[in-house]
Amino acid sequence: MPLGGGADAPHLPRPAPIDAYGKGGFRFAGMSHRGSLLCFPDGIWAWPITDLAELNEAALRAAFERADGLDFFLIGAGRDPWALPEDLRQKFREVLLSVDAMATGAAVRTYNILLAENRRVGAGLIAVN
């Protein structure tokens, strides 16, 4: 499913655990990526989100489009815990997708655990320095 904005080709066409995060990026599957990530069962993509102020329905469109193939969606919101705004929470309810927002480090750890359990998990992970 295309992500739009010229980011149609995934960095990796399959899921993979996140090996490390910080310094403005992530390491996974022997690769290094600077910037934020969108992770799904069908691949890992660059995500142009750098700040919570940019997080809106359009930024999460790929998650909503994949809702039927996901059990959970995690939002790694940067360094600090963050409460998902009600309008976005409502959109997740409408597509019947469980969502949880937390600091990026916690989201990475939770994503890795759910992935290891073969759960259908997606994640939007905002890079931290």
C-alpha atoms as a PDB file:
ATOM      1  CA  MET A   1       0.000   0.000   0.000  1.00  0.00           C
ATOM      2  CA  PRO A   2       1.651   3.277  -1.035  1.00  0.00           C
ATOM      3  CA  LEU A   3       2.518   5.766   1.669  1.00  0.00           C
ATOM      4  CA  GLY A   4       2.476   8.780  -0.651  1.00  0.00           C
ATOM      5  CA  GLY A   5       4.835  11.714  -0.678  1.00  0.00           C
ATOM      6  CA  GLY A   6       7.406   9.836  -2.761  1.00  0.00           C
ATOM      7  CA  ALA A   7       8.043   7.327   0.027  1.00  0.00           C
ATOM      8  CA  ASP A   8       6.413   4.346  -1.682  1.00  0.00           C
ATOM      9  CA  ALA A   9       9.460   2.080  -1.547  1.00  0.00           C
ATOM     10  CA  PRO A  10      10.110   0.707   1.928  1.00  0.00           C
ATOM     11  CA  HIS A  11      13.565   0.685   3.458  1.00  0.00           C
ATOM     12  CA  LEU A  12      12.863  -2.957   4.178  1.00  0.00           C
ATOM     13  CA  PRO A  13       9.997  -4.939   2.601  1.00  0.00           C
ATOM     14  CA  ARG A  14       9.296  -6.939   5.775  1.00  0.00           C
ATOM     15  CA  PRO A  15       9.000  -6.306   9.501  1.00  0.00           C
ATOM     16  CA  ALA A  16      12.127  -6.298  11.650  1.00  0.00           C
ATOM     17  CA  PRO A  17      12.927  -5.581  15.277  1.00  0.00           C
ATOM     18  CA  ILE A  18      14.407  -2.182  16.020  1.00  0.00           C
ATOM     19  CA  ASP A  19      17.949  -2.789  17.283  1.00  0.00           C
ATOM     20  CA  ALA A  20      18.706   0.741  18.500  1.00  0.00           C
ATOM     21  CA  TYR A  21      17.272   4.247  18.561  1.00  0.00           C
ATOM     22  CA  GLY A  22      18.599   7.703  19.353  1.00  0.00           C
ATOM     23  CA  LYS A  23      20.906  10.267  17.755  1.00  0.00           C
ATOM     24  CA  GLY A  24      18.032  11.207  15.449  1.00  0.00           C
ATOM     25  CA  GLY A  25      17.415   7.762  13.984  1.00  0.00           C
ATOM     26  CA  PHE A  26      17.121   3.994  14.255  1.00  0.00           C
ATOM     27  CA  ARG A  27      19.036   0.814  13.482  1.00  0.00           C
ATOM     28  CA  PHE A  28      17.215  -2.287  12.216  1.00  0.00           C
ATOM     29  CA  ALA A  29      18.053  -5.301  10.033  1.00  0.00           C
ATOM     30  CA  GLY A  30      21.681  -4.244   9.693  1.00  0.00           C
ATOM     31  CA  MET A  31      20.677  -0.792   8.408  1.00  0.00           C
ATOM     32  CA  SER A  32      20.793   2.679   9.869  1.00  0.00           C
ATOM     33  CA  HIS A  33      18.092   5.283   9.207  1.00  0.00           C
ATOM     34  CA  ARG A  34      18.152   8.942  10.173  1.00  0.00           C
ATOM     35  CA  GLY A  35      14.667  10.267  10.927  1.00  0.00           C
ATOM     36  CA  SER A  36      11.346   8.784  11.994  1.00  0.00           C
ATOM     37  CA  LEU A  37       9.906   5.422  10.900  1.00  0.00           C
ATOM     38  CA  LEU A  38       6.596   3.787  10.048  1.00  0.00           C
ATOM     39  CA  CYS A  39       6.715   0.052  10.713  1.00  0.00           C
ATOM     40  CA  PHE A  40       4.127  -2.436   9.431  1.00  0.00           C
ATOM     41  CA  PRO A  41       3.953  -6.172   8.733  1.00  0.00           C
ATOM     42  CA  ASP A  42       4.633  -5.418   5.046  1.00  0.00           C
ATOM     43  CA  GLY A  43       7.683  -3.212   5.583  1.00  0.00           C
ATOM     44  CA  ILE A  44       9.464  -0.325   7.245  1.00  0.00           C
ATOM     45  CA  TRP A  45       9.312   3.162   5.709  1.00  0.00           C
ATOM     46  CA  ALA A  46      10.768   6.590   6.363  1.00  0.00           C
ATOM     47  CA  TRP A  47       8.169   8.818   8.046  1.00  0.00           C
ATOM     48  CA  PRO A  48       8.518  12.597   7.607  1.00  0.00           C
ATOM     49  CA  ILE A  49       7.188  13.376  11.102  1.00  0.00           C
ATOM     50  CA  THR A  50       9.712  15.199  13.306  1.00  0.00           C
ATOM     51  CA  ASP A  51       7.410  16.724  15.923  1.00  0.00           C
ATOM     52  CA  LEU A  52       4.105  15.882  17.597  1.00  0.00           C
ATOM     53  CA  ALA A  53       2.583  19.038  16.108  1.00  0.00           C
ATOM     54  CA  GLU A  54       2.789  17.270  12.704  1.00  0.00           C
ATOM     55  CA  LEU A  55       0.876  14.222  13.904  1.00  0.00           C
ATOM     56  CA  ASN A  56      -2.575  14.321  12.333  1.00  0.00           C
ATOM     57  CA  GLU A  57      -4.960  12.069  10.422  1.00  0.00           C
ATOM     58  CA  ALA A  58      -3.012  12.502   7.174  1.00  0.00           C
ATOM     59  CA  ALA A  59       0.262  11.510   8.874  1.00  0.00           C
ATOM     60  CA  LEU A  60      -1.414   8.339  10.158  1.00  0.00           C
ATOM     61  CA  ARG A  61      -3.269   7.490   6.925  1.00  0.00           C
ATOM     62  CA  ALA A  62      -1.114   4.408   6.266  1.00  0.00           C
ATOM     63  CA  ALA A  63      -2.103   2.961   9.665  1.00  0.00           C
ATOM     64  CA  PHE A  64      -5.795   3.599   9.034  1.00  0.00           C
ATOM     65  CA  GLU A  65      -5.550   2.008   5.578  1.00  0.00           C
ATOM     66  CA  ARG A  66      -3.902  -1.108   7.066  1.00  0.00           C
ATOM     67  CA  ALA A  67      -6.244  -1.377  10.075  1.00  0.00           C
ATOM     68  CA  ASP A  68      -7.762  -4.683   8.918  1.00  0.00           C
ATOM     69  CA  GLY A  69      -4.310  -6.268   8.952  1.00  0.00           C
ATOM     70  CA  LEU A  70      -3.206  -4.931  12.333  1.00  0.00           C
ATOM     71  CA  ASP A  71      -3.991  -5.819  15.937  1.00  0.00           C
ATOM     72  CA  PHE A  72      -2.174  -2.842  17.458  1.00  0.00           C
ATOM     73  CA  PHE A  73      -0.643   0.454  16.420  1.00  0.00           C
ATOM     74  CA  LEU A  74       1.956   2.133  18.615  1.00  0.00           C
ATOM     75  CA  ILE A  75       2.959   5.767  18.484  1.00  0.00           C
ATOM     76  CA  GLY A  76       6.456   6.574  19.712  1.00  0.00           C
ATOM     77  CA  ALA A  77       5.970  10.244  20.561  1.00  0.00           C
ATOM     78  CA  GLY A  78       9.542  11.336  21.210  1.00  0.00           C
ATOM     79  CA  ARG A  79      11.238  11.631  24.586  1.00  0.00           C
ATOM     80  CA  ASP A  80       8.179  12.145  26.763  1.00  0.00           C
ATOM     81  CA  PRO A  81       4.867  10.368  27.281  1.00  0.00           C
ATOM     82  CA  TRP A  82       2.044  11.922  25.270  1.00  0.00           C
ATOM     83  CA  ALA A  83      -1.732  11.633  25.243  1.00  0.00           C
ATOM     84  CA  LEU A  84      -3.257  10.986  21.832  1.00  0.00           C
ATOM     85  CA  PRO A  85      -5.742  13.767  21.007  1.00  0.00           C
ATOM     86  CA  GLU A  86      -9.383  12.677  21.104  1.00  0.00           C
ATOM     87  CA  ASP A  87      -9.979  13.276  17.375  1.00  0.00           C
ATOM     88  CA  LEU A  88      -7.185  10.849  16.474  1.00  0.00           C
ATOM     89  CA  ARG A  89      -8.273   8.364  19.136  1.00  0.00           C
ATOM     90  CA  GLN A  90     -11.785   8.484  17.631  1.00  0.00           C
ATOM     91  CA  LYS A  91     -10.414   7.768  14.138  1.00  0.00           C
ATOM     92  CA  PHE A  92      -8.604   4.687  15.473  1.00  0.00           C
ATOM     93  CA  ARG A  93     -11.879   3.559  17.096  1.00  0.00           C
ATOM     94  CA  GLU A  94     -13.708   4.025  13.784  1.00  0.00           C
ATOM     95  CA  VAL A  95     -11.301   1.673  11.990  1.00  0.00           C
ATOM     96  CA  LEU A  96     -11.348  -0.764  14.950  1.00  0.00           C
ATOM     97  CA  LEU A  97      -7.611  -0.493  15.600  1.00  0.00           C
ATOM     98  CA  SER A  98      -6.149  -0.443  19.110  1.00  0.00           C
ATOM     99  CA  VAL A  99      -3.666   2.379  19.584  1.00  0.00           C
ATOM    100  CA  ASP A 100      -1.286   3.361  22.340  1.00  0.00           C
ATOM    101  CA  ALA A 101       0.952   6.413  22.497  1.00  0.00           C
ATOM    102  CA  MET A 102       4.106   6.498  24.621  1.00  0.00           C
ATOM    103  CA  ALA A 103       7.679   7.728  24.565  1.00  0.00           C
ATOM    104  CA  THR A 104       9.652   6.418  21.579  1.00  0.00           C
ATOM    105  CA  GLY A 105      11.898   4.203  23.717  1.00  0.00           C
ATOM    106  CA  ALA A 106       8.901   2.469  25.296  1.00  0.00           C
ATOM    107  CA  ALA A 107       7.240   2.143  21.886  1.00  0.00           C
ATOM    108  CA  VAL A 108      10.362   0.507  20.411  1.00  0.00           C
ATOM    109  CA  ARG A 109      10.523  -1.998  23.264  1.00  0.00           C
ATOM    110  CA  THR A 110       6.793  -2.773  23.032  1.00  0.00           C
ATOM    111  CA  TYR A 111       6.970  -3.087  19.226  1.00  0.00           C
ATOM    112  CA  ASN A 112       9.864  -5.551  19.508  1.00  0.00           C
ATOM    113  CA  ILE A 113       7.999  -7.681  22.065  1.00  0.00           C
ATOM    114  CA  LEU A 114       4.790  -7.777  20.010  1.00  0.00           C
ATOM    115  CA  LEU A 115       6.767  -8.549  16.851  1.00  0.00           C
ATOM    116  CA  ALA A 116       8.552 -11.426  18.629  1.00  0.00           C
ATOM    117  CA  GLU A 117       5.117 -12.764  19.621  1.00  0.00           C
ATOM    118  CA  ASN A 118       4.122 -12.731  15.924  1.00  0.00           C
ATOM    119  CA  ARG A 119       1.465 -10.108  16.598  1.00  0.00           C
ATOM    120  CA  ARG A 120       0.228  -7.911  13.763  1.00  0.00           C
ATOM    121  CA  VAL A 121       1.734  -4.684  15.027  1.00  0.00           C
ATOM    122  CA  GLY A 122       2.407  -1.339  13.422  1.00  0.00           C
ATOM    123  CA  ALA A 123       4.285   1.637  14.812  1.00  0.00           C
ATOM    124  CA  GLY A 124       4.919   5.268  14.040  1.00  0.00           C
ATOM    125  CA  LEU A 125       8.203   6.083  15.748  1.00  0.00           C
ATOM    126  CA  ILE A 126       9.351   9.691  16.053  1.00  0.00           C
ATOM    127  CA  ALA A 127      13.157   9.869  16.127  1.00  0.00           C
ATOM    128  CA  VAL A 128      14.826  11.233  19.256  1.00  0.00           C
ATOM    129  CA  ASN A 129      18.270  12.778  19.689  1.00  0.00           C
END
